[in-house]
Amino acid sequence: MPIDSPDASVTLPLLAMADVLTNKADGLAPLDWAIVVVYASSTLALGWYFSRQQTTVKEYFVGSGHMNPILIGVSLFATLLSTISYLSMPGEAAGKGPGMMLNAIGLPLVFVIVAFGLLPAYMHRRVTSAYELLEERLGLSVRMLGAVMFLVLRLVWMSLLIYLTSRALTEIMGIGPQYIPWVALVTGTISVIYTTLGGLRAVVITDLMQSLLLYGGALLVLGTVTYAFGGFGWVPTEWDENWDSQPLFSFDPRVRLTIVGAILNMTIWQVCTMGGDQTSVQRFMSTADLKAARRAIATQLGVALLVAVTLAFVGFALLAYFNRFPDRLPEGMTVRDNADTLFPHFIAHHLPIGIAGLVVAAMFAAAMSSMDSGVNSITAVVLTDFFDRFGKAPRDERAHVRTARILAFTIGGIVVLGSSQMGIIPGNITAVTQKTSNLLTTPIFALFFFAMFVPFARPIGVWLGAIAGVTTATVTAFSGPLFGLLINHFGVDPDLFGTTVRLIADPVSGTARYVAEDPISFQWIAPFALGVNLAVGTLVSWWASRRDRPAVVSA
């Protein structure tokens, strides 16, 4: 809507009043930075406080197993909804459409599968590392496979998290991308220090603080836009021209997002993450019993639904705001092409002073809530599945806790260094996240599925199934770059794959090369990978189990 439309008589005076409090030219004001510093300092103080209570490794990793299930549920939500989600959900809603928001339809099914199908098996035996369960049924090699895949998954995921957070913060601060490594260093260091000191109790308590701040930040953005519009005129009532086509279902795998595909993808990801990821299983083990663990899951899914819908509406609000006032975007920046940066730009240039600081602190909090949980869980796996399992455990509990803290700090340093390599993955935040997190999420869960629900499972079948699953996930996720490689280096006909292929000039060498769009959407990574993994593992295990049976000798 143009500025000189009839609604402008209401909108412009309100915006003028809001602009008095806005620091649009310089980004964040000193008050905003003071709020961020106070928040970061409080988390460090909390980590130091809980560090004085850490006397056993069980207390460090699972809080002695009697933590409040509501806190655990909120902590699990904060772990899985990071700054990646905080930025990607508004960007997805603004630039692509509301389809991703509808994947919440699958949450009741997730609760039934996890709470009544998986949790009884997990809570029957209390463990520090989830991968201890694999050795009992399938042997040491499968336990090591699960532990190693988890370590790779979380290290890559946390590196991506720190990179995307740092990129957004540089946008907010108005500095160049060359400062991303320095912002990553600060963000990662603060997260690692309080996680290293306080263990799981510090992680869970700060996750509660961070969730409240994260949700409050989203509400402040909605309130600011609502005030600017003089009401809820920003709520979409028709399909925006910037949005993609998002049908209910399509047999064309190139369609980026369908409603059915989004629901299926989210359901599988949630089930696989809760059923095979140490960050989830570790929290279940920190509750008193099965009933408490189910309450934790219900809390996590309920909070996730509320926040996901709110963040989608943040995206709608940003879309309406910049559609009405396109002159408030920097030159060369558009809603459709730069949807992921609308939120950081709005925070820096269009939120009142003080509120901007709170929202930046919320972004900072979202990053730390996932970073702290990942570091704590990785440390638990390394200490339990490698040090303790192979007889390298420290001599006493005090030394055990000290070793855990050293490991946590070291792992955090690796993540900060790895974050510098995440910029090479193509796609918007939603696509990039799917292309990294789903490579190993479903194969890890498949290990537990075979261990708990396939009585004839054999290690060779589980191994081959995992290899097939990872391969399928990788080929699906990076189908565009792989096909581009075949076209450019092996002379394959560009029209052979039935997908969009563009000829571009390399900015460095000046030579022309083909770039292929993904012929398979990211929404099919998890379904394809899990299906192939379970099929191959089951067939090979069945074949191996038949060979194990003794031959029947006839009379």
Protein backbone atom coordinates (compact mmCIF):
# COMPACT_ATOMS: atom_id res chain seq x y z
CA MET A 1 0.00 0.00 0.00
CA PRO A 2 1.50 3.41 -0.91
CA ILE A 3 2.20 5.98 1.79
CA ASP A 4 -0.29 8.46 0.39
CA SER A 5 -3.17 5.98 0.68
CA PRO A 6 -6.16 6.84 2.92
CA ASP A 7 -4.73 4.74 5.78
CA ALA A 8 -1.63 6.93 5.81
CA SER A 9 -3.52 9.59 7.79
CA VAL A 10 -3.50 7.21 10.71
CA THR A 11 -0.26 5.38 10.04
CA LEU A 12 2.15 8.26 9.47
CA PRO A 13 1.50 10.13 12.75
CA LEU A 14 1.87 6.91 14.69
CA LEU A 15 5.11 6.11 12.90
CA ALA A 16 6.39 9.59 13.53
CA MET A 17 5.78 9.12 17.25
CA ALA A 18 7.53 5.74 17.17
CA ASP A 19 10.49 7.21 15.28
CA VAL A 20 11.24 9.54 18.18
CA LEU A 21 12.34 6.48 20.15
CA THR A 22 13.97 4.70 17.22
CA ASN A 23 17.69 4.66 16.48
CA LYS A 24 17.40 4.11 12.73
CA ALA A 25 20.68 5.60 11.60
CA ASP A 26 23.12 4.11 14.06
CA GLY A 27 21.64 0.71 14.87
CA LEU A 28 21.70 -0.22 18.55
CA ALA A 29 21.92 2.52 21.16
CA PRO A 30 24.04 2.37 24.36
CA LEU A 31 20.95 1.39 26.37
CA ASP A 32 20.39 -1.58 24.04
CA TRP A 33 23.97 -2.73 24.51
CA ALA A 34 23.67 -2.32 28.26
CA ILE A 35 20.67 -4.69 28.27
CA VAL A 36 22.59 -7.30 26.27
CA VAL A 37 25.63 -7.02 28.59
CA VAL A 38 23.47 -7.36 31.71
CA TYR A 39 21.83 -10.48 30.30
CA ALA A 40 25.13 -12.11 29.34
CA SER A 41 26.63 -11.28 32.74
CA SER A 42 23.65 -12.80 34.56
CA THR A 43 24.07 -16.12 32.75
CA LEU A 44 27.74 -16.25 33.70
CA ALA A 45 26.85 -15.52 37.31
CA LEU A 46 24.26 -18.31 37.27
CA GLY A 47 26.80 -20.78 35.91
CA TRP A 48 29.25 -19.83 38.67
CA TYR A 49 26.51 -20.26 41.31
CA PHE A 50 25.65 -23.80 40.21
CA SER A 51 29.31 -24.73 39.82
CA ARG A 52 29.64 -24.66 43.60
CA GLN A 53 27.08 -27.49 43.85
CA GLN A 54 28.73 -29.85 41.34
CA THR A 55 30.26 -32.76 43.25
CA THR A 56 29.34 -35.76 41.06
CA VAL A 57 29.29 -36.38 37.33
CA LYS A 58 25.63 -37.52 37.61
CA GLU A 59 24.70 -34.12 39.05
CA TYR A 60 26.65 -32.42 36.26
CA PHE A 61 24.91 -34.27 33.41
CA VAL A 62 21.39 -35.19 34.61
CA GLY A 63 20.84 -33.07 37.74
CA SER A 64 20.63 -36.22 39.91
CA GLY A 65 17.53 -37.37 38.01
CA HIS A 66 14.77 -35.50 39.87
CA MET A 67 14.38 -32.21 38.02
CA ASN A 68 11.05 -30.46 37.50
CA PRO A 69 9.39 -31.82 34.32
CA ILE A 70 8.00 -28.40 33.36
CA LEU A 71 11.49 -26.92 33.48
CA ILE A 72 12.81 -29.88 31.51
CA GLY A 73 10.11 -29.43 28.87
CA VAL A 74 10.89 -25.74 28.47
CA SER A 75 14.60 -26.55 28.35
CA LEU A 76 14.01 -29.14 25.62
CA PHE A 77 12.00 -26.59 23.66
CA ALA A 78 14.78 -23.98 24.04
CA THR A 79 17.35 -26.51 22.87
CA LEU A 80 15.46 -27.43 19.71
CA LEU A 81 14.23 -23.88 18.93
CA SER A 82 17.45 -21.94 18.54
CA THR A 83 18.35 -18.64 16.90
CA ILE A 84 18.16 -20.60 13.65
CA SER A 85 14.42 -21.03 14.23
CA TYR A 86 14.10 -17.53 15.66
CA LEU A 87 15.38 -16.10 12.38
CA SER A 88 14.14 -18.71 9.91
CA MET A 89 10.47 -18.84 10.92
CA PRO A 90 9.80 -15.10 10.36
CA GLY A 91 11.91 -15.21 7.19
CA GLU A 92 10.08 -18.26 5.88
CA ALA A 93 6.65 -16.76 6.61
CA ALA A 94 7.55 -13.38 5.09
CA GLY A 95 9.37 -14.59 1.98
CA LYS A 96 7.79 -17.96 1.16
CA GLY A 97 4.35 -18.18 2.77
CA PRO A 98 2.47 -19.72 5.71
CA GLY A 99 2.89 -23.35 4.68
CA MET A 100 5.66 -24.15 7.16
CA MET A 101 3.50 -22.94 10.06
CA LEU A 102 0.92 -25.63 9.27
CA ASN A 103 3.38 -28.42 10.06
CA ALA A 104 2.24 -28.03 13.69
CA ILE A 105 -0.73 -30.22 12.73
CA GLY A 106 1.59 -33.19 13.25
CA LEU A 107 2.48 -32.38 16.88
CA PRO A 108 -0.27 -34.54 18.50
CA LEU A 109 1.02 -37.54 16.55
CA VAL A 110 4.56 -36.74 17.70
CA PHE A 111 3.39 -36.79 21.33
CA VAL A 112 1.66 -40.16 20.98
CA ILE A 113 4.65 -41.82 19.28
CA VAL A 114 7.27 -40.46 21.67
CA ALA A 115 5.35 -40.52 24.97
CA PHE A 116 3.78 -43.95 24.56
CA GLY A 117 5.98 -45.68 22.00
CA LEU A 118 9.54 -44.62 22.84
CA LEU A 119 9.65 -43.29 26.40
CA PRO A 120 8.71 -46.54 28.21
CA ALA A 121 11.71 -48.26 26.62
CA TYR A 122 14.07 -45.40 27.53
CA MET A 123 12.88 -44.84 31.09
CA HIS A 124 13.11 -48.55 31.91
CA ARG A 125 16.88 -48.19 32.20
CA ARG A 126 18.38 -44.91 33.42
CA VAL A 127 21.57 -44.04 31.55
CA THR A 128 23.83 -41.01 31.20
CA SER A 129 24.43 -41.56 27.49
CA ALA A 130 21.59 -42.76 25.25
CA TYR A 131 24.04 -44.83 23.24
CA GLU A 132 24.67 -47.17 26.16
CA LEU A 133 21.32 -48.71 25.23
CA LEU A 134 22.58 -49.69 21.78
CA GLU A 135 25.44 -51.83 23.05
CA GLU A 136 23.14 -54.07 25.10
CA ARG A 137 21.19 -55.16 22.04
CA LEU A 138 23.48 -54.65 19.05
CA GLY A 139 27.04 -54.61 20.37
CA LEU A 140 29.86 -52.15 20.82
CA SER A 141 30.27 -51.25 17.14
CA VAL A 142 26.70 -49.94 16.86
CA ARG A 143 27.12 -47.97 20.10
CA MET A 144 30.24 -46.33 18.69
CA LEU A 145 28.45 -45.65 15.40
CA GLY A 146 25.62 -43.88 17.20
CA ALA A 147 27.96 -41.86 19.42
CA VAL A 148 30.16 -40.74 16.52
CA MET A 149 27.19 -39.76 14.32
CA PHE A 150 25.73 -37.76 17.20
CA LEU A 151 29.03 -35.94 17.76
CA VAL A 152 29.29 -35.01 14.08
CA LEU A 153 25.62 -33.94 13.92
CA ARG A 154 25.77 -31.66 16.96
CA LEU A 155 29.15 -30.15 16.08
CA VAL A 156 27.91 -29.23 12.59
CA TRP A 157 24.57 -28.00 13.91
CA MET A 158 26.11 -25.82 16.61
CA SER A 159 28.63 -24.42 14.13
CA LEU A 160 25.75 -23.45 11.84
CA LEU A 161 23.92 -21.95 14.81
CA ILE A 162 26.84 -19.75 15.84
CA TYR A 163 27.44 -18.69 12.23
CA LEU A 164 23.84 -17.64 11.57
CA THR A 165 23.57 -15.86 14.91
CA SER A 166 26.80 -13.98 14.29
CA ARG A 167 25.72 -13.04 10.77
CA ALA A 168 22.46 -11.62 12.11
CA LEU A 169 24.23 -9.71 14.87
CA THR A 170 26.65 -8.13 12.38
CA GLU A 171 23.61 -6.98 10.38
CA ILE A 172 22.09 -5.50 13.52
CA MET A 173 25.31 -3.79 14.55
CA GLY A 174 25.83 -2.40 11.05
CA ILE A 175 29.28 -3.93 10.60
CA GLY A 176 30.68 -5.97 7.73
CA PRO A 177 30.68 -9.78 7.38
CA GLN A 178 34.43 -9.82 8.11
CA TYR A 179 33.49 -9.41 11.79
CA ILE A 180 31.40 -12.60 11.90
CA PRO A 181 34.28 -14.70 13.40
CA TRP A 182 34.76 -12.15 16.21
CA VAL A 183 31.05 -12.07 17.05
CA ALA A 184 31.04 -15.88 16.95
CA LEU A 185 33.95 -15.93 19.38
CA VAL A 186 32.11 -13.77 21.92
CA THR A 187 28.79 -15.63 21.60
CA GLY A 188 30.40 -19.06 21.81
CA THR A 189 32.71 -18.15 24.68
CA ILE A 190 29.93 -16.89 26.96
CA SER A 191 27.79 -19.97 26.23
CA VAL A 192 30.65 -22.37 26.88
CA ILE A 193 31.79 -20.70 30.11
CA TYR A 194 28.48 -20.93 31.97
CA THR A 195 27.79 -24.43 30.56
CA THR A 196 31.26 -25.56 31.61
CA LEU A 197 30.76 -24.23 35.12
CA GLY A 198 27.16 -25.09 35.93
CA GLY A 199 26.32 -28.37 34.18
CA LEU A 200 22.74 -29.37 33.32
CA ARG A 201 21.12 -27.41 36.17
CA ALA A 202 22.58 -24.14 34.88
CA VAL A 203 21.56 -25.10 31.35
CA VAL A 204 17.95 -25.82 32.35
CA ILE A 205 17.49 -22.68 34.48
CA THR A 206 19.03 -20.40 31.85
CA ASP A 207 16.93 -22.10 29.18
CA LEU A 208 13.83 -20.95 31.08
CA MET A 209 15.14 -17.37 31.17
CA GLN A 210 16.06 -17.55 27.51
CA SER A 211 12.65 -18.93 26.47
CA LEU A 212 10.83 -16.12 28.26
CA LEU A 213 13.13 -13.55 26.68
CA LEU A 214 12.79 -15.15 23.24
CA TYR A 215 9.01 -15.13 23.34
CA GLY A 216 8.88 -11.67 24.85
CA GLY A 217 11.10 -10.36 22.06
CA ALA A 218 8.71 -11.69 19.44
CA LEU A 219 5.75 -10.08 21.20
CA LEU A 220 7.58 -6.75 21.34
CA VAL A 221 8.07 -6.83 17.57
CA LEU A 222 4.38 -7.59 17.03
CA GLY A 223 3.44 -4.79 19.41
CA THR A 224 5.68 -2.29 17.62
CA VAL A 225 4.25 -3.11 14.17
CA THR A 226 0.69 -3.11 15.50
CA TYR A 227 1.28 0.34 16.99
CA ALA A 228 2.76 1.56 13.71
CA PHE A 229 -0.30 0.32 11.80
CA GLY A 230 -2.78 1.65 14.35
CA GLY A 231 -4.20 -1.85 14.77
CA PHE A 232 -3.99 -5.29 13.22
CA GLY A 233 -4.15 -4.16 9.62
CA TRP A 234 -0.90 -6.05 8.98
CA VAL A 235 -2.54 -9.47 9.41
CA PRO A 236 -2.67 -11.07 5.92
CA THR A 237 -6.10 -11.68 4.45
CA GLU A 238 -4.98 -12.86 0.99
CA TRP A 239 -2.01 -14.59 -0.65
CA ASP A 240 0.89 -12.14 -0.95
CA GLU A 241 2.62 -11.71 -4.30
CA ASN A 242 6.00 -12.46 -2.67
CA TRP A 243 4.95 -15.94 -1.57
CA ASP A 244 5.63 -19.21 -3.38
CA SER A 245 2.95 -21.62 -4.46
CA GLN A 246 2.45 -24.02 -1.53
CA PRO A 247 -0.06 -26.71 -2.58
CA LEU A 248 -1.56 -29.32 -0.29
CA PHE A 249 0.47 -32.02 -2.07
CA SER A 250 2.40 -32.51 -5.29
CA PHE A 251 3.95 -35.52 -6.97
CA ASP A 252 6.63 -33.23 -8.38
CA PRO A 253 9.61 -33.51 -5.98
CA ARG A 254 10.92 -30.13 -7.18
CA VAL A 255 8.07 -28.24 -5.47
CA ARG A 256 9.85 -26.55 -2.58
CA LEU A 257 7.09 -26.94 0.01
CA THR A 258 3.75 -28.69 0.22
CA ILE A 259 1.52 -28.84 3.29
CA VAL A 260 1.66 -32.65 3.45
CA GLY A 261 5.42 -32.65 2.94
CA ALA A 262 5.95 -30.04 5.67
CA ILE A 263 3.83 -31.99 8.17
CA LEU A 264 5.57 -35.28 7.33
CA ASN A 265 9.03 -33.71 7.50
CA MET A 266 8.39 -32.04 10.87
CA THR A 267 6.80 -35.14 12.40
CA ILE A 268 9.71 -37.36 11.41
CA TRP A 269 12.28 -34.80 12.57
CA GLN A 270 10.63 -34.36 15.97
CA VAL A 271 10.27 -38.11 16.57
CA CYS A 272 13.82 -38.86 15.44
CA THR A 273 15.30 -36.02 17.50
CA MET A 274 13.46 -37.00 20.68
CA GLY A 275 14.11 -40.68 20.11
CA GLY A 276 17.79 -40.65 19.17
CA ASP A 277 19.42 -37.34 20.09
CA GLN A 278 21.38 -37.24 23.34
CA THR A 279 20.18 -33.69 24.07
CA SER A 280 16.61 -35.03 24.31
CA VAL A 281 17.24 -38.39 25.97
CA GLN A 282 19.49 -36.73 28.56
CA ARG A 283 16.59 -34.53 29.64
CA PHE A 284 14.21 -37.46 29.93
CA MET A 285 16.73 -39.12 32.23
CA SER A 286 16.82 -36.04 34.43
CA THR A 287 13.13 -36.49 35.37
CA ALA A 288 11.88 -38.73 38.17
CA ASP A 289 9.79 -41.26 36.22
CA LEU A 290 7.83 -42.02 33.05
CA LYS A 291 4.90 -39.81 34.06
CA ALA A 292 7.19 -36.82 34.64
CA ALA A 293 8.98 -37.43 31.32
CA ARG A 294 5.62 -37.39 29.50
CA ARG A 295 4.75 -34.08 31.16
CA ALA A 296 8.07 -32.72 29.95
CA ILE A 297 7.28 -33.73 26.36
CA ALA A 298 3.78 -32.24 26.54
CA THR A 299 5.27 -28.99 27.84
CA GLN A 300 7.89 -28.90 25.12
CA LEU A 301 5.41 -29.47 22.30
CA GLY A 302 2.91 -26.98 23.73
CA VAL A 303 5.50 -24.22 24.06
CA ALA A 304 6.90 -25.06 20.61
CA LEU A 305 3.44 -24.66 19.05
CA LEU A 306 2.83 -21.31 20.74
CA VAL A 307 6.21 -19.86 19.79
CA ALA A 308 6.16 -21.21 16.22
CA VAL A 309 2.80 -19.57 15.48
CA THR A 310 3.96 -16.33 17.10
CA LEU A 311 7.17 -16.23 15.04
CA ALA A 312 5.20 -16.90 11.86
CA PHE A 313 3.05 -13.88 12.67
CA VAL A 314 6.23 -11.88 13.24
CA GLY A 315 7.07 -12.75 9.63
CA PHE A 316 3.62 -11.60 8.47
CA ALA A 317 4.05 -8.34 10.39
CA LEU A 318 7.46 -7.68 8.84
CA LEU A 319 6.11 -8.47 5.38
CA ALA A 320 3.26 -5.99 5.78
CA TYR A 321 5.52 -3.34 7.27
CA PHE A 322 8.09 -3.37 4.46
CA ASN A 323 5.47 -3.81 1.75
CA ARG A 324 3.85 -0.61 2.94
CA PHE A 325 7.14 1.20 3.47
CA PRO A 326 9.64 -0.22 0.94
CA ASP A 327 11.74 2.94 1.25
CA ARG A 328 12.73 1.74 4.73
CA LEU A 329 14.73 -1.11 3.21
CA PRO A 330 18.36 -0.47 2.18
CA GLU A 331 19.09 -0.10 -1.50
CA GLY A 332 19.22 -3.47 -3.25
CA MET A 333 17.30 -5.27 -0.50
CA THR A 334 13.85 -6.73 -1.26
CA VAL A 335 11.28 -8.62 0.77
CA ARG A 336 11.33 -11.65 -1.52
CA ASP A 337 15.10 -12.00 -1.96
CA ASN A 338 16.21 -10.97 1.53
CA ALA A 339 13.43 -12.27 3.77
CA ASP A 340 15.90 -13.82 6.24
CA THR A 341 17.47 -10.43 6.95
CA LEU A 342 14.21 -8.51 7.47
CA PHE A 343 14.06 -9.41 11.16
CA PRO A 344 17.65 -8.34 12.01
CA HIS A 345 17.24 -5.15 9.96
CA PHE A 346 13.96 -4.30 11.68
CA ILE A 347 15.51 -4.85 15.10
CA ALA A 348 18.42 -2.54 14.38
CA HIS A 349 16.61 0.26 12.59
CA HIS A 350 12.91 0.23 13.42
CA LEU A 351 12.49 -0.86 17.05
CA PRO A 352 12.43 1.73 19.82
CA ILE A 353 15.54 2.04 21.97
CA GLY A 354 15.45 -0.45 24.83
CA ILE A 355 13.07 -2.80 23.04
CA ALA A 356 15.75 -3.40 20.41
CA GLY A 357 18.17 -4.38 23.17
CA LEU A 358 15.66 -6.84 24.63
CA VAL A 359 15.09 -8.49 21.24
CA VAL A 360 18.84 -8.74 20.56
CA ALA A 361 19.23 -10.30 24.01
CA ALA A 362 16.49 -12.76 23.00
CA MET A 363 18.45 -13.71 19.87
CA PHE A 364 21.57 -14.05 21.96
CA ALA A 365 19.60 -16.16 24.44
CA ALA A 366 18.24 -18.45 21.74
CA ALA A 367 21.77 -19.12 20.50
CA MET A 368 23.09 -19.84 23.97
CA SER A 369 20.16 -22.10 24.90
CA SER A 370 21.06 -24.45 22.06
CA MET A 371 24.81 -24.04 22.40
CA ASP A 372 24.82 -24.88 26.12
CA SER A 373 22.63 -27.96 25.67
CA GLY A 374 24.70 -29.24 22.77
CA VAL A 375 28.00 -28.78 24.58
CA ASN A 376 26.70 -30.47 27.73
CA SER A 377 25.30 -33.43 25.77
CA ILE A 378 28.43 -33.88 23.65
CA THR A 379 30.54 -33.83 26.81
CA ALA A 380 28.33 -36.52 28.35
CA VAL A 381 28.73 -38.74 25.27
CA VAL A 382 32.51 -38.29 25.03
CA LEU A 383 33.01 -38.98 28.73
CA THR A 384 30.59 -41.92 28.96
CA ASP A 385 30.95 -43.63 25.57
CA PHE A 386 34.69 -43.18 25.13
CA PHE A 387 36.53 -42.38 28.37
CA ASP A 388 34.47 -44.52 30.75
CA ARG A 389 33.67 -47.31 28.29
CA PHE A 390 37.32 -47.96 27.46
CA GLY A 391 38.66 -47.74 30.98
CA LYS A 392 40.03 -44.20 30.80
CA ALA A 393 37.73 -42.76 33.45
CA PRO A 394 39.22 -40.26 35.93
CA ARG A 395 40.19 -41.69 39.30
CA ASP A 396 37.43 -40.06 41.41
CA GLU A 397 34.24 -37.98 41.12
CA ARG A 398 35.99 -34.65 41.56
CA ALA A 399 38.41 -35.49 38.75
CA HIS A 400 35.44 -36.70 36.70
CA VAL A 401 33.68 -33.34 36.97
CA ARG A 402 36.92 -31.49 36.23
CA THR A 403 37.47 -33.59 33.08
CA ALA A 404 33.87 -32.92 31.99
CA ARG A 405 34.44 -29.19 32.28
CA ILE A 406 37.68 -29.34 30.29
CA LEU A 407 35.91 -31.33 27.57
CA ALA A 408 33.00 -28.87 27.48
CA PHE A 409 35.33 -25.91 27.00
CA THR A 410 37.32 -27.72 24.30
CA ILE A 411 34.18 -28.74 22.39
CA GLY A 412 32.93 -25.16 22.50
CA GLY A 413 36.19 -23.97 20.97
CA ILE A 414 35.85 -26.49 18.13
CA VAL A 415 32.32 -25.24 17.41
CA VAL A 416 33.42 -21.60 17.25
CA LEU A 417 36.19 -22.49 14.79
CA GLY A 418 33.85 -24.63 12.68
CA SER A 419 31.29 -21.84 12.38
CA SER A 420 33.55 -20.04 9.90
CA GLN A 421 32.89 -22.78 7.30
CA MET A 422 29.06 -22.70 7.37
CA GLY A 423 28.63 -19.89 4.83
CA ILE A 424 29.29 -22.23 1.90
CA ILE A 425 25.94 -24.07 2.18
CA PRO A 426 23.36 -22.62 -0.29
CA GLY A 427 19.74 -21.74 0.47
CA ASN A 428 17.72 -19.67 2.91
CA ILE A 429 18.02 -20.42 6.64
CA THR A 430 15.20 -22.97 6.59
CA ALA A 431 16.70 -24.90 3.67
CA VAL A 432 20.27 -24.73 5.01
CA THR A 433 19.15 -26.08 8.39
CA GLN A 434 17.28 -28.97 6.79
CA LYS A 435 20.26 -29.78 4.58
CA THR A 436 22.57 -30.15 7.58
CA SER A 437 20.48 -31.39 10.52
CA ASN A 438 18.62 -34.10 8.63
CA LEU A 439 21.75 -35.77 7.25
CA LEU A 440 22.30 -37.69 10.50
CA THR A 441 19.12 -37.18 12.55
CA THR A 442 17.16 -40.02 10.95
CA PRO A 443 20.08 -42.51 10.76
CA ILE A 444 20.76 -42.04 14.49
CA PHE A 445 17.13 -42.68 15.36
CA ALA A 446 17.10 -45.77 13.13
CA LEU A 447 19.77 -47.33 15.36
CA PHE A 448 17.41 -47.10 18.34
CA PHE A 449 14.46 -48.31 16.27
CA PHE A 450 16.34 -51.49 15.36
CA ALA A 451 17.58 -51.99 18.92
CA MET A 452 14.15 -51.62 20.53
CA PHE A 453 11.60 -52.80 17.96
CA VAL A 454 13.26 -55.23 15.52
CA PRO A 455 13.96 -58.50 17.37
CA PHE A 456 15.93 -60.01 14.48
CA ALA A 457 18.13 -56.92 13.97
CA ARG A 458 21.81 -57.69 13.33
CA PRO A 459 24.79 -55.31 13.44
CA ILE A 460 25.58 -55.81 9.74
CA GLY A 461 22.02 -54.84 8.80
CA VAL A 462 22.06 -51.80 11.09
CA TRP A 463 25.41 -50.64 9.67
CA LEU A 464 24.37 -51.04 6.03
CA GLY A 465 21.04 -49.38 6.75
CA ALA A 466 22.84 -46.40 8.30
CA ILE A 467 25.18 -46.10 5.32
CA ALA A 468 22.24 -46.22 2.90
CA GLY A 469 20.31 -43.66 4.96
CA VAL A 470 23.17 -41.17 5.18
CA THR A 471 23.86 -41.55 1.46
CA THR A 472 20.21 -40.97 0.59
CA ALA A 473 20.04 -37.90 2.84
CA THR A 474 23.22 -36.43 1.35
CA VAL A 475 22.19 -36.99 -2.27
CA THR A 476 18.73 -35.53 -1.61
CA ALA A 477 20.02 -32.52 0.32
CA PHE A 478 22.69 -31.59 -2.20
CA SER A 479 21.02 -32.84 -5.37
CA GLY A 480 21.39 -29.44 -7.08
CA PRO A 481 25.17 -29.06 -6.52
CA LEU A 482 25.72 -32.75 -7.37
CA PHE A 483 23.88 -32.42 -10.69
CA GLY A 484 25.75 -29.20 -11.39
CA LEU A 485 28.99 -31.12 -10.84
CA LEU A 486 27.91 -33.81 -13.32
CA ILE A 487 27.02 -31.17 -15.91
CA ASN A 488 30.17 -29.04 -15.55
CA HIS A 489 32.83 -31.71 -15.11
CA PHE A 490 31.43 -34.76 -16.88
CA GLY A 491 29.60 -33.16 -19.79
CA VAL A 492 26.15 -34.51 -18.89
CA ASP A 493 23.26 -32.99 -20.84
CA PRO A 494 21.79 -30.12 -18.71
CA ASP A 495 18.24 -31.01 -19.79
CA LEU A 496 18.56 -34.61 -18.64
CA PHE A 497 17.50 -33.99 -15.03
CA GLY A 498 14.29 -32.12 -15.72
CA THR A 499 15.19 -29.26 -13.40
CA THR A 500 16.04 -25.59 -13.84
CA VAL A 501 19.65 -25.06 -14.94
CA ARG A 502 21.27 -21.62 -15.26
CA LEU A 503 24.52 -20.65 -16.94
CA ILE A 504 26.46 -18.10 -14.90
CA ALA A 505 29.92 -16.55 -15.00
CA ASP A 506 32.28 -17.38 -12.14
CA PRO A 507 33.18 -14.04 -10.47
CA VAL A 508 36.76 -15.19 -9.83
CA SER A 509 37.83 -16.99 -13.00
CA GLY A 510 35.32 -15.43 -15.38
CA THR A 511 34.54 -18.86 -16.88
CA ALA A 512 30.93 -19.94 -17.42
CA ARG A 513 29.44 -22.80 -15.42
CA TYR A 514 26.05 -24.39 -14.95
CA VAL A 515 24.14 -24.10 -11.67
CA ALA A 516 21.27 -26.54 -11.13
CA GLU A 517 18.41 -25.92 -8.75
CA ASP A 518 17.59 -28.79 -6.39
CA PRO A 519 15.47 -31.32 -8.31
CA ILE A 520 14.34 -32.74 -4.95
CA SER A 521 13.02 -30.40 -2.25
CA PHE A 522 14.63 -30.35 1.20
CA GLN A 523 11.28 -31.39 2.72
CA TRP A 524 11.87 -34.96 1.46
CA ILE A 525 15.31 -35.43 3.05
CA ALA A 526 14.01 -36.96 6.28
CA PRO A 527 11.23 -39.15 4.79
CA PHE A 528 13.47 -40.55 2.02
CA ALA A 529 16.47 -41.13 4.31
CA LEU A 530 14.46 -42.83 7.05
CA GLY A 531 12.53 -45.00 4.59
CA VAL A 532 15.68 -46.25 2.82
CA ASN A 533 17.50 -46.74 6.13
CA LEU A 534 14.77 -48.89 7.68
CA ALA A 535 14.16 -50.86 4.48
CA VAL A 536 17.82 -51.76 3.90
CA GLY A 537 18.51 -52.46 7.58
CA THR A 538 15.45 -54.66 7.96
CA LEU A 539 16.09 -56.71 4.81
CA VAL A 540 19.78 -57.29 5.56
CA SER A 541 19.04 -58.13 9.22
CA TRP A 542 16.33 -60.59 8.18
CA TRP A 543 18.73 -62.25 5.72
CA ALA A 544 21.49 -62.40 8.35
CA SER A 545 19.14 -63.78 11.01
CA ARG A 546 18.08 -66.62 8.71
CA ARG A 547 21.72 -67.53 8.17
CA ASP A 548 22.23 -67.58 11.95
CA ARG A 549 19.60 -70.28 12.43
CA PRO A 550 20.94 -73.83 12.76
CA ALA A 551 20.08 -76.12 9.88
CA VAL A 552 17.35 -78.69 10.52
CA VAL A 553 18.63 -82.22 9.93
CA SER A 554 15.97 -84.58 8.58
CA ALA A 555 15.67 -88.11 9.95
